[in-house]
PDB file of N, CA and C in Angstrom:
ATOM      1  N   MET A   1     -21.440   2.987   4.296  1.00  0.00           N
ATOM      2  CA  MET A   1     -22.358   3.764   3.308  1.00  0.00           C
ATOM      3  C   MET A   1     -23.379   3.395   2.726  1.00  0.00           C
ATOM      4  N   GLY A   2     -23.966   4.331   2.162  1.00  0.00           N
ATOM      5  CA  GLY A   2     -24.944   3.562   1.303  1.00  0.00           C
ATOM      6  C   GLY A   2     -24.711   3.670  -0.130  1.00  0.00           C
ATOM      7  N   ILE A   3     -25.499   3.178  -0.833  1.00  0.00           N
ATOM      8  CA  ILE A   3     -25.087   3.109  -2.565  1.00  0.00           C
ATOM      9  C   ILE A   3     -24.861   4.457  -3.009  1.00  0.00           C
ATOM     10  N   ASN A   4     -25.699   5.418  -2.577  1.00  0.00           N
ATOM     11  CA  ASN A   4     -25.311   6.709  -3.359  1.00  0.00           C
ATOM     12  C   ASN A   4     -24.078   7.494  -2.230  1.00  0.00           C
ATOM     13  N   PHE A   5     -22.872   6.623  -2.065  1.00  0.00           N
ATOM     14  CA  PHE A   5     -21.868   7.068  -1.385  1.00  0.00           C
ATOM     15  C   PHE A   5     -21.060   8.351  -2.044  1.00  0.00           C
ATOM     16  N   PRO A   6     -21.096   8.533  -3.205  1.00  0.00           N
ATOM     17  CA  PRO A   6     -20.600   9.616  -3.851  1.00  0.00           C
ATOM     18  C   PRO A   6     -21.343  11.156  -3.253  1.00  0.00           C
ATOM     19  N   SER A   7     -22.607  10.947  -3.189  1.00  0.00           N
ATOM     20  CA  SER A   7     -23.492  12.341  -2.390  1.00  0.00           C
ATOM     21  C   SER A   7     -23.037  12.551  -0.868  1.00  0.00           C
ATOM     22  N   TYR A   8     -22.510  11.485  -0.359  1.00  0.00           N
ATOM     23  CA  TYR A   8     -22.494  11.725   1.097  1.00  0.00           C
ATOM     24  C   TYR A   8     -20.951  11.937   1.070  1.00  0.00           C
ATOM     25  N   LEU A   9     -19.822  11.484   0.106  1.00  0.00           N
ATOM     26  CA  LEU A   9     -18.548  12.325   0.563  1.00  0.00           C
ATOM     27  C   LEU A   9     -18.763  13.600  -0.207  1.00  0.00           C
ATOM     28  N   GLN A  10     -19.452  13.932  -0.992  1.00  0.00           N
ATOM     29  CA  GLN A  10     -19.248  15.400  -1.637  1.00  0.00           C
ATOM     30  C   GLN A  10     -19.722  16.365  -0.616  1.00  0.00           C
ATOM     31  N   GLU A  11     -21.158  15.972  -0.112  1.00  0.00           N
ATOM     32  CA  GLU A  11     -21.551  16.942   1.008  1.00  0.00           C
ATOM     33  C   GLU A  11     -20.502  16.987   2.513  1.00  0.00           C
ATOM     34  N   ALA A  12     -19.940  15.676   2.798  1.00  0.00           N
ATOM     35  CA  ALA A  12     -18.302  16.070   3.468  1.00  0.00           C
ATOM     36  C   ALA A  12     -17.741  16.981   3.457  1.00  0.00           C
ATOM     37  N   HIS A  13     -17.328  17.086   2.303  1.00  0.00           N
ATOM     38  CA  HIS A  13     -16.131  17.687   1.277  1.00  0.00           C
ATOM     39  C   HIS A  13     -16.909  19.526   1.638  1.00  0.00           C
ATOM     40  N   ARG A  14     -18.408  19.698   1.322  1.00  0.00           N
ATOM     41  CA  ARG A  14     -18.801  21.059   1.211  1.00  0.00           C
ATOM     42  C   ARG A  14     -18.818  21.564   2.519  1.00  0.00           C
ATOM     43  N   VAL A  15     -19.652  20.498   3.888  1.00  0.00           N
ATOM     44  CA  VAL A  15     -19.477  21.068   5.424  1.00  0.00           C
ATOM     45  C   VAL A  15     -17.724  21.209   5.945  1.00  0.00           C
ATOM     46  N   LEU A  16     -17.164  20.185   5.451  1.00  0.00           N
ATOM     47  CA  LEU A  16     -15.768  20.347   6.557  1.00  0.00           C
ATOM     48  C   LEU A  16     -14.848  21.505   5.889  1.00  0.00           C
ATOM     49  N   LYS A  17     -14.291  22.180   7.117  1.00  0.00           N
ATOM     50  CA  LYS A  17     -13.481  23.446   7.112  1.00  0.00           C
ATOM     51  C   LYS A  17     -11.902  22.586   6.222  1.00  0.00           C
ATOM     52  N   PRO A  18     -11.068  23.784   6.150  1.00  0.00           N
ATOM     53  CA  PRO A  18      -9.920  22.925   5.441  1.00  0.00           C
ATOM     54  C   PRO A  18      -9.114  22.440   6.553  1.00  0.00           C
ATOM     55  N   SER A  19      -8.440  21.446   6.133  1.00  0.00           N
ATOM     56  CA  SER A  19      -7.696  20.843   7.073  1.00  0.00           C
ATOM     57  C   SER A  19      -8.861  19.992   8.401  1.00  0.00           C
ATOM     58  N   GLY A  20      -9.859  19.921   7.918  1.00  0.00           N
ATOM     59  CA  GLY A  20     -11.068  18.688   8.484  1.00  0.00           C
ATOM     60  C   GLY A  20     -10.355  17.762   8.431  1.00  0.00           C
ATOM     61  N   TRP A  21     -11.065  16.520   8.789  1.00  0.00           N
ATOM     62  CA  TRP A  21     -10.842  15.036   9.005  1.00  0.00           C
ATOM     63  C   TRP A  21     -11.799  14.366   8.550  1.00  0.00           C
ATOM     64  N   LEU A  22     -12.056  13.619   7.707  1.00  0.00           N
ATOM     65  CA  LEU A  22     -12.788  12.427   7.177  1.00  0.00           C
ATOM     66  C   LEU A  22     -11.917  11.032   7.383  1.00  0.00           C
ATOM     67  N   LEU A  23     -13.337  10.012   8.296  1.00  0.00           N
ATOM     68  CA  LEU A  23     -12.953   8.909   8.551  1.00  0.00           C
ATOM     69  C   LEU A  23     -14.132   8.246   8.264  1.00  0.00           C
ATOM     70  N   ILE A  24     -13.466   6.899   7.193  1.00  0.00           N
ATOM     71  CA  ILE A  24     -14.453   6.418   6.694  1.00  0.00           C
ATOM     72  C   ILE A  24     -14.142   4.968   6.907  1.00  0.00           C
ATOM     73  N   ALA A  25     -15.079   4.294   7.874  1.00  0.00           N
ATOM     74  CA  ALA A  25     -15.082   2.875   8.506  1.00  0.00           C
ATOM     75  C   ALA A  25     -16.666   1.990   7.895  1.00  0.00           C
ATOM     76  N   GLU A  26     -15.633   0.690   6.749  1.00  0.00           N
ATOM     77  CA  GLU A  26     -16.493   0.375   5.896  1.00  0.00           C
ATOM     78  C   GLU A  26     -15.979  -1.188   6.068  1.00  0.00           C
ATOM     79  N   VAL A  27     -17.399  -1.842   5.985  1.00  0.00           N
ATOM     80  CA  VAL A  27     -16.777  -3.677   5.868  1.00  0.00           C
ATOM     81  C   VAL A  27     -16.477  -3.773   5.122  1.00  0.00           C
ATOM     82  N   LYS A  28     -14.931  -4.542   4.992  1.00  0.00           N
ATOM     83  CA  LYS A  28     -14.101  -5.030   4.402  1.00  0.00           C
ATOM     84  C   LYS A  28     -14.637  -5.780   2.868  1.00  0.00           C
ATOM     85  N   SER A  29     -15.664  -6.650   3.426  1.00  0.00           N
ATOM     86  CA  SER A  29     -16.060  -7.381   1.759  1.00  0.00           C
ATOM     87  C   SER A  29     -16.381  -6.391   1.190  1.00  0.00           C
ATOM     88  N   ARG A  30     -16.098  -5.129   0.801  1.00  0.00           N
ATOM     89  CA  ARG A  30     -17.283  -4.403   0.138  1.00  0.00           C
ATOM     90  C   ARG A  30     -15.776  -3.408  -0.595  1.00  0.00           C
ATOM     91  N   PHE A  31     -14.383  -3.837  -0.421  1.00  0.00           N
ATOM     92  CA  PHE A  31     -13.565  -3.482  -0.939  1.00  0.00           C
ATOM     93  C   PHE A  31     -12.517  -4.760  -1.039  1.00  0.00           C
ATOM     94  N   ASP A  32     -12.962  -5.689  -1.201  1.00  0.00           N
ATOM     95  CA  ASP A  32     -12.509  -7.234  -1.752  1.00  0.00           C
ATOM     96  C   ASP A  32     -12.398  -7.125  -3.421  1.00  0.00           C
ATOM     97  N   PRO A  33     -11.160  -6.887  -3.739  1.00  0.00           N
ATOM     98  CA  PRO A  33     -11.541  -7.166  -5.558  1.00  0.00           C
ATOM     99  C   PRO A  33     -11.789  -8.382  -6.123  1.00  0.00           C
ATOM    100  N   ASN A  34     -10.967  -9.133  -4.869  1.00  0.00           N
ATOM    101  CA  ASN A  34     -11.326 -10.817  -5.333  1.00  0.00           C
ATOM    102  C   ASN A  34     -13.016 -11.176  -5.126  1.00  0.00           C
ATOM    103  N   THR A  35     -13.732 -10.614  -4.786  1.00  0.00           N
ATOM    104  CA  THR A  35     -14.557 -11.192  -4.748  1.00  0.00           C
ATOM    105  C   THR A  35     -16.111  -9.852  -5.286  1.00  0.00           C
ATOM    106  N   GLY A  36     -15.422  -9.133  -5.896  1.00  0.00           N
ATOM    107  CA  GLY A  36     -16.724  -8.543  -6.875  1.00  0.00           C
ATOM    108  C   GLY A  36     -16.091  -6.582  -5.886  1.00  0.00           C
ATOM    109  N   GLY A  37     -15.435  -6.996  -4.801  1.00  0.00           N
ATOM    110  CA  GLY A  37     -15.836  -5.136  -4.542  1.00  0.00           C
ATOM    111  C   GLY A  37     -14.503  -4.522  -5.117  1.00  0.00           C
ATOM    112  N   ALA A  38     -14.757  -3.477  -4.769  1.00  0.00           N
ATOM    113  CA  ALA A  38     -13.836  -2.165  -5.309  1.00  0.00           C
ATOM    114  C   ALA A  38     -12.375  -2.182  -4.292  1.00  0.00           C
ATOM    115  N   ASP A  39     -11.406  -1.730  -5.554  1.00  0.00           N
ATOM    116  CA  ASP A  39      -9.930  -1.573  -4.933  1.00  0.00           C
ATOM    117  C   ASP A  39      -9.952  -0.331  -4.110  1.00  0.00           C
ATOM    118  N   PRO A  40      -9.645  -0.462  -2.871  1.00  0.00           N
ATOM    119  CA  PRO A  40      -9.372   0.286  -1.579  1.00  0.00           C
ATOM    120  C   PRO A  40      -8.657   1.387  -2.441  1.00  0.00           C
ATOM    121  N   ASN A  41      -7.420   1.100  -3.112  1.00  0.00           N
ATOM    122  CA  ASN A  41      -6.462   1.928  -3.727  1.00  0.00           C
ATOM    123  C   ASN A  41      -7.384   2.821  -4.557  1.00  0.00           C
ATOM    124  N   ARG A  42      -8.347   2.636  -5.410  1.00  0.00           N
ATOM    125  CA  ARG A  42      -8.737   3.731  -6.651  1.00  0.00           C
ATOM    126  C   ARG A  42      -9.939   4.236  -5.985  1.00  0.00           C
ATOM    127  N   PHE A  43     -10.849   3.478  -4.671  1.00  0.00           N
ATOM    128  CA  PHE A  43     -11.547   4.703  -3.996  1.00  0.00           C
ATOM    129  C   PHE A  43     -10.533   5.473  -3.400  1.00  0.00           C
ATOM    130  N   SER A  44      -9.771   5.345  -2.309  1.00  0.00           N
ATOM    131  CA  SER A  44      -8.679   6.073  -1.757  1.00  0.00           C
ATOM    132  C   SER A  44      -8.474   7.476  -2.901  1.00  0.00           C
ATOM    133  N   LYS A  45      -8.082   6.965  -4.087  1.00  0.00           N
ATOM    134  CA  LYS A  45      -7.604   7.940  -4.963  1.00  0.00           C
ATOM    135  C   LYS A  45      -8.395   8.935  -5.731  1.00  0.00           C
ATOM    136  N   ALA A  46     -10.149   8.416  -5.282  1.00  0.00           N
ATOM    137  CA  ALA A  46     -11.209   8.689  -6.085  1.00  0.00           C
ATOM    138  C   ALA A  46     -11.631  10.162  -5.137  1.00  0.00           C
ATOM    139  N   ILE A  47     -11.610   9.743  -3.578  1.00  0.00           N
ATOM    140  CA  ILE A  47     -11.883  10.812  -2.452  1.00  0.00           C
ATOM    141  C   ILE A  47     -10.688  11.720  -2.943  1.00  0.00           C
ATOM    142  N   CYS A  48      -9.422  11.468  -2.666  1.00  0.00           N
ATOM    143  CA  CYS A  48      -8.386  12.503  -3.170  1.00  0.00           C
ATOM    144  C   CYS A  48      -8.561  13.499  -4.218  1.00  0.00           C
ATOM    145  N   GLN A  49      -9.517  12.904  -5.335  1.00  0.00           N
ATOM    146  CA  GLN A  49      -9.422  13.689  -6.402  1.00  0.00           C
ATOM    147  C   GLN A  49     -10.904  14.845  -5.906  1.00  0.00           C
ATOM    148  N   LEU A  50     -11.278  14.391  -5.062  1.00  0.00           N
ATOM    149  CA  LEU A  50     -12.624  14.997  -4.406  1.00  0.00           C
ATOM    150  C   LEU A  50     -11.743  16.648  -4.188  1.00  0.00           C
ATOM    151  N   GLY A  51     -10.824  16.436  -3.272  1.00  0.00           N
ATOM    152  CA  GLY A  51     -10.263  17.482  -2.547  1.00  0.00           C
ATOM    153  C   GLY A  51      -9.807  16.717  -1.325  1.00  0.00           C
ATOM    154  N   PHE A  52      -9.406  15.813  -0.590  1.00  0.00           N
ATOM    155  CA  PHE A  52      -8.758  15.489   0.458  1.00  0.00           C
ATOM    156  C   PHE A  52      -7.561  14.720   0.302  1.00  0.00           C
ATOM    157  N   ASP A  53      -6.434  14.635   1.458  1.00  0.00           N
ATOM    158  CA  ASP A  53      -5.312  14.416   1.460  1.00  0.00           C
ATOM    159  C   ASP A  53      -5.691  12.825   2.193  1.00  0.00           C
ATOM    160  N   SER A  54      -5.089  11.703   1.071  1.00  0.00           N
ATOM    161  CA  SER A  54      -5.201  10.525   2.118  1.00  0.00           C
ATOM    162  C   SER A  54      -4.032  10.685   2.972  1.00  0.00           C
ATOM    163  N   VAL A  55      -4.510  10.102   4.552  1.00  0.00           N
ATOM    164  CA  VAL A  55      -3.242  10.076   5.453  1.00  0.00           C
ATOM    165  C   VAL A  55      -2.933   8.637   6.162  1.00  0.00           C
ATOM    166  N   SER A  56      -3.933   7.626   6.091  1.00  0.00           N
ATOM    167  CA  SER A  56      -3.356   6.410   6.262  1.00  0.00           C
ATOM    168  C   SER A  56      -4.947   5.351   6.104  1.00  0.00           C
ATOM    169  N   GLN A  57      -4.387   4.303   5.704  1.00  0.00           N
ATOM    170  CA  GLN A  57      -5.526   3.252   5.667  1.00  0.00           C
ATOM    171  C   GLN A  57      -4.985   2.049   6.755  1.00  0.00           C
ATOM    172  N   ASP A  58      -6.204   1.819   7.477  1.00  0.00           N
ATOM    173  CA  ASP A  58      -6.090   0.380   8.603  1.00  0.00           C
ATOM    174  C   ASP A  58      -6.567  -0.571   8.178  1.00  0.00           C
ATOM    175  N   PHE A  59      -5.648  -1.744   7.712  1.00  0.00           N
ATOM    176  CA  PHE A  59      -6.829  -3.049   7.404  1.00  0.00           C
ATOM    177  C   PHE A  59      -6.341  -4.173   8.248  1.00  0.00           C
ATOM    178  N   SER A  60      -5.946  -3.900   9.919  1.00  0.00           N
ATOM    179  CA  SER A  60      -5.802  -4.365  10.820  1.00  0.00           C
ATOM    180  C   SER A  60      -7.035  -5.611  11.288  1.00  0.00           C
ATOM    181  N   ASN A  61      -8.226  -4.288  11.392  1.00  0.00           N
ATOM    182  CA  ASN A  61      -9.548  -4.766  11.941  1.00  0.00           C
ATOM    183  C   ASN A  61     -10.239  -5.799  11.264  1.00  0.00           C
ATOM    184  N   LYS A  62     -10.637  -6.908  11.845  1.00  0.00           N
ATOM    185  CA  LYS A  62     -11.141  -8.639  10.868  1.00  0.00           C
ATOM    186  C   LYS A  62     -12.160  -8.152  10.161  1.00  0.00           C
ATOM    187  N   MET A  63     -12.990  -7.099  10.745  1.00  0.00           N
ATOM    188  CA  MET A  63     -14.389  -6.820   9.655  1.00  0.00           C
ATOM    189  C   MET A  63     -14.447  -5.883   9.014  1.00  0.00           C
ATOM    190  N   PHE A  64     -13.609  -4.447   9.411  1.00  0.00           N
ATOM    191  CA  PHE A  64     -13.939  -3.282   8.982  1.00  0.00           C
ATOM    192  C   PHE A  64     -11.934  -2.472   8.417  1.00  0.00           C
ATOM    193  N   ILE A  65     -12.226  -1.912   7.165  1.00  0.00           N
ATOM    194  CA  ILE A  65     -11.445  -1.252   6.833  1.00  0.00           C
ATOM    195  C   ILE A  65     -11.544   0.034   7.398  1.00  0.00           C
ATOM    196  N   LEU A  66     -10.302   1.150   7.912  1.00  0.00           N
ATOM    197  CA  LEU A  66     -10.227   2.521   8.232  1.00  0.00           C
ATOM    198  C   LEU A  66      -9.716   3.393   6.896  1.00  0.00           C
ATOM    199  N   LEU A  67     -10.273   4.336   6.815  1.00  0.00           N
ATOM    200  CA  LEU A  67      -9.483   5.174   5.916  1.00  0.00           C
ATOM    201  C   LEU A  67      -9.701   6.813   6.510  1.00  0.00           C
ATOM    202  N   TYR A  68      -8.234   7.582   6.248  1.00  0.00           N
ATOM    203  CA  TYR A  68      -8.212   8.241   7.093  1.00  0.00           C
ATOM    204  C   TYR A  68      -7.836   9.353   6.263  1.00  0.00           C
ATOM    205  N   PHE A  69      -8.738  10.870   6.171  1.00  0.00           N
ATOM    206  CA  PHE A  69      -8.553  11.652   4.896  1.00  0.00           C
ATOM    207  C   PHE A  69      -8.327  13.535   5.338  1.00  0.00           C
ATOM    208  N   LYS A  70      -7.753  14.024   4.912  1.00  0.00           N
ATOM    209  CA  LYS A  70      -7.778  15.322   5.906  1.00  0.00           C
ATOM    210  C   LYS A  70      -8.332  16.657   4.263  1.00  0.00           C
ATOM    211  N   LYS A  71      -8.886  17.348   4.674  1.00  0.00           N
ATOM    212  CA  LYS A  71      -9.220  17.829   3.904  1.00  0.00           C
ATOM    213  C   LYS A  71      -8.347  18.941   3.091  1.00  0.00           C
ATOM    214  N   LYS A  72      -8.356  18.973   2.223  1.00  0.00           N
ATOM    215  CA  LYS A  72      -7.186  20.123   1.362  1.00  0.00           C
ATOM    216  C   LYS A  72      -7.700  21.357   1.785  1.00  0.00           C
ATOM    217  N   VAL A  73      -6.102  22.339   1.691  1.00  0.00           N
ATOM    218  CA  VAL A  73      -6.843  24.062   2.518  1.00  0.00           C
ATOM    219  C   VAL A  73      -7.686  24.466   0.756  1.00  0.00           C
ATOM    220  N   ASN A  74      -6.503  24.349   0.337  1.00  0.00           N
ATOM    221  CA  ASN A  74      -7.052  24.686  -1.785  1.00  0.00           C
ATOM    222  C   ASN A  74      -7.369  23.162  -2.403  1.00  0.00           C
ATOM    223  N   SER A  75      -8.444  23.511  -2.690  1.00  0.00           N
ATOM    224  CA  SER A  75      -9.111  22.136  -3.598  1.00  0.00           C
ATOM    225  C   SER A  75      -9.780  22.967  -4.372  1.00  0.00           C
ATOM    226  N   SER A  76      -9.633  22.177  -6.025  1.00  0.00           N
ATOM    227  CA  SER A  76      -9.908  22.010  -7.015  1.00  0.00           C
ATOM    228  C   SER A  76     -10.738  21.438  -7.529  1.00  0.00           C
ATOM    229  N   GLN A  77     -12.000  21.002  -7.594  1.00  0.00           N
ATOM    230  CA  GLN A  77     -12.871  19.733  -8.304  1.00  0.00           C
ATOM    231  C   GLN A  77     -12.989  19.737  -9.663  1.00  0.00           C
ATOM    232  N   GLU A  78     -12.583  18.456 -10.018  1.00  0.00           N
ATOM    233  CA  GLU A  78     -12.550  18.024 -11.186  1.00  0.00           C
ATOM    234  C   GLU A  78     -13.327  16.626 -11.203  1.00  0.00           C
ATOM    235  N   GLU A  79     -13.915  16.326 -12.077  1.00  0.00           N
ATOM    236  CA  GLU A  79     -14.378  14.504 -12.518  1.00  0.00           C
ATOM    237  C   GLU A  79     -13.732  13.988 -12.300  1.00  0.00           C
ATOM    238  N   ILE A  80     -14.614  12.975 -11.282  1.00  0.00           N
ATOM    239  CA  ILE A  80     -14.323  11.841 -11.050  1.00  0.00           C
ATOM    240  C   ILE A  80     -14.967  10.681 -11.146  1.00  0.00           C
ATOM    241  N   LYS A  81     -14.398   9.548 -11.833  1.00  0.00           N
ATOM    242  CA  LYS A  81     -14.794   8.447 -11.732  1.00  0.00           C
ATOM    243  C   LYS A  81     -15.052   7.402 -10.285  1.00  0.00           C
ATOM    244  N   TRP A  82     -16.032   7.347 -10.277  1.00  0.00           N
ATOM    245  CA  TRP A  82     -15.936   6.282  -8.588  1.00  0.00           C
ATOM    246  C   TRP A  82     -15.999   5.222  -8.877  1.00  0.00           C
ATOM    247  N   PRO A  83     -15.272   4.660  -7.638  1.00  0.00           N
ATOM    248  CA  PRO A  83     -15.343   2.652  -8.356  1.00  0.00           C
ATOM    249  C   PRO A  83     -16.885   2.354  -7.569  1.00  0.00           C
ATOM    250  N   GLU A  84     -17.324   1.042  -7.865  1.00  0.00           N
ATOM    251  CA  GLU A  84     -18.913   0.643  -7.608  1.00  0.00           C
ATOM    252  C   GLU A  84     -18.337  -0.029  -6.785  1.00  0.00           C
ATOM    253  N   LEU A  85     -18.778  -0.034  -5.480  1.00  0.00           N
ATOM    254  CA  LEU A  85     -18.792  -0.842  -4.426  1.00  0.00           C
ATOM    255  C   LEU A  85     -19.810  -1.638  -4.115  1.00  0.00           C
ATOM    256  N   LYS A  86     -19.222  -2.842  -3.364  1.00  0.00           N
ATOM    257  CA  LYS A  86     -19.884  -4.157  -3.316  1.00  0.00           C
ATOM    258  C   LYS A  86     -21.536  -4.006  -2.714  1.00  0.00           C
ATOM    259  N   PRO A  87     -22.743  -4.386  -3.016  1.00  0.00           N
ATOM    260  CA  PRO A  87     -23.618  -3.907  -1.675  1.00  0.00           C
ATOM    261  C   PRO A  87     -22.916  -5.089  -0.852  1.00  0.00           C
ATOM    262  N   CYS A  88     -23.426  -4.656   0.504  1.00  0.00           N
ATOM    263  CA  CYS A  88     -22.837  -4.885   2.186  1.00  0.00           C
ATOM    264  C   CYS A  88     -23.958  -6.094   2.042  1.00  0.00           C
ATOM    265  N   LEU A  89     -24.069  -7.242   2.390  1.00  0.00           N
ATOM    266  CA  LEU A  89     -25.018  -8.298   2.805  1.00  0.00           C
ATOM    267  C   LEU A  89     -24.433  -8.707   3.708  1.00  0.00           C
ATOM    268  N   TYR A  90     -25.889  -8.711   4.656  1.00  0.00           N
ATOM    269  CA  TYR A  90     -25.962  -8.810   6.141  1.00  0.00           C
ATOM    270  C   TYR A  90     -26.301 -10.887   6.697  1.00  0.00           C
ATOM    271  N   LYS A  91     -25.694 -11.468   7.484  1.00  0.00           N
ATOM    272  CA  LYS A  91     -26.435 -12.713   7.714  1.00  0.00           C
ATOM    273  C   LYS A  91     -27.212 -12.755   9.094  1.00  0.00           C
ATOM    274  N   ARG A  92     -28.982 -13.499   8.281  1.00  0.00           N
ATOM    275  CA  ARG A  92     -29.083 -13.521   9.361  1.00  0.00           C
ATOM    276  C   ARG A  92     -29.227 -14.765  10.757  1.00  0.00           C
ATOM    277  N   ARG A  93     -28.906 -14.242  12.098  1.00  0.00           N
ATOM    278  CA  ARG A  93     -28.277 -15.417  13.280  1.00  0.00           C
ATOM    279  C   ARG A  93     -29.804 -15.372  13.361  1.00  0.00           C
TER     280      ARG A  93
END
């Protein structure tokens, strides 16, 4: 996701049908609190406040984490405090 990820997620909430799926695959380094990344649980909580239910989190991949959400049938928007995601730095090869 880009640096304006809250806009992406709000748009996904707007266009998804009730009970629609949202899958987020993101680089693990952005979610490592030990190196300045966001806490994955805080991030999931913010998405749940947007109107999704957290279905599962998969940390088994070496490079990516997978977060599965399902849009709530009846959801109300509330003020969301989005965690800051660490920029993704790519290595030159």
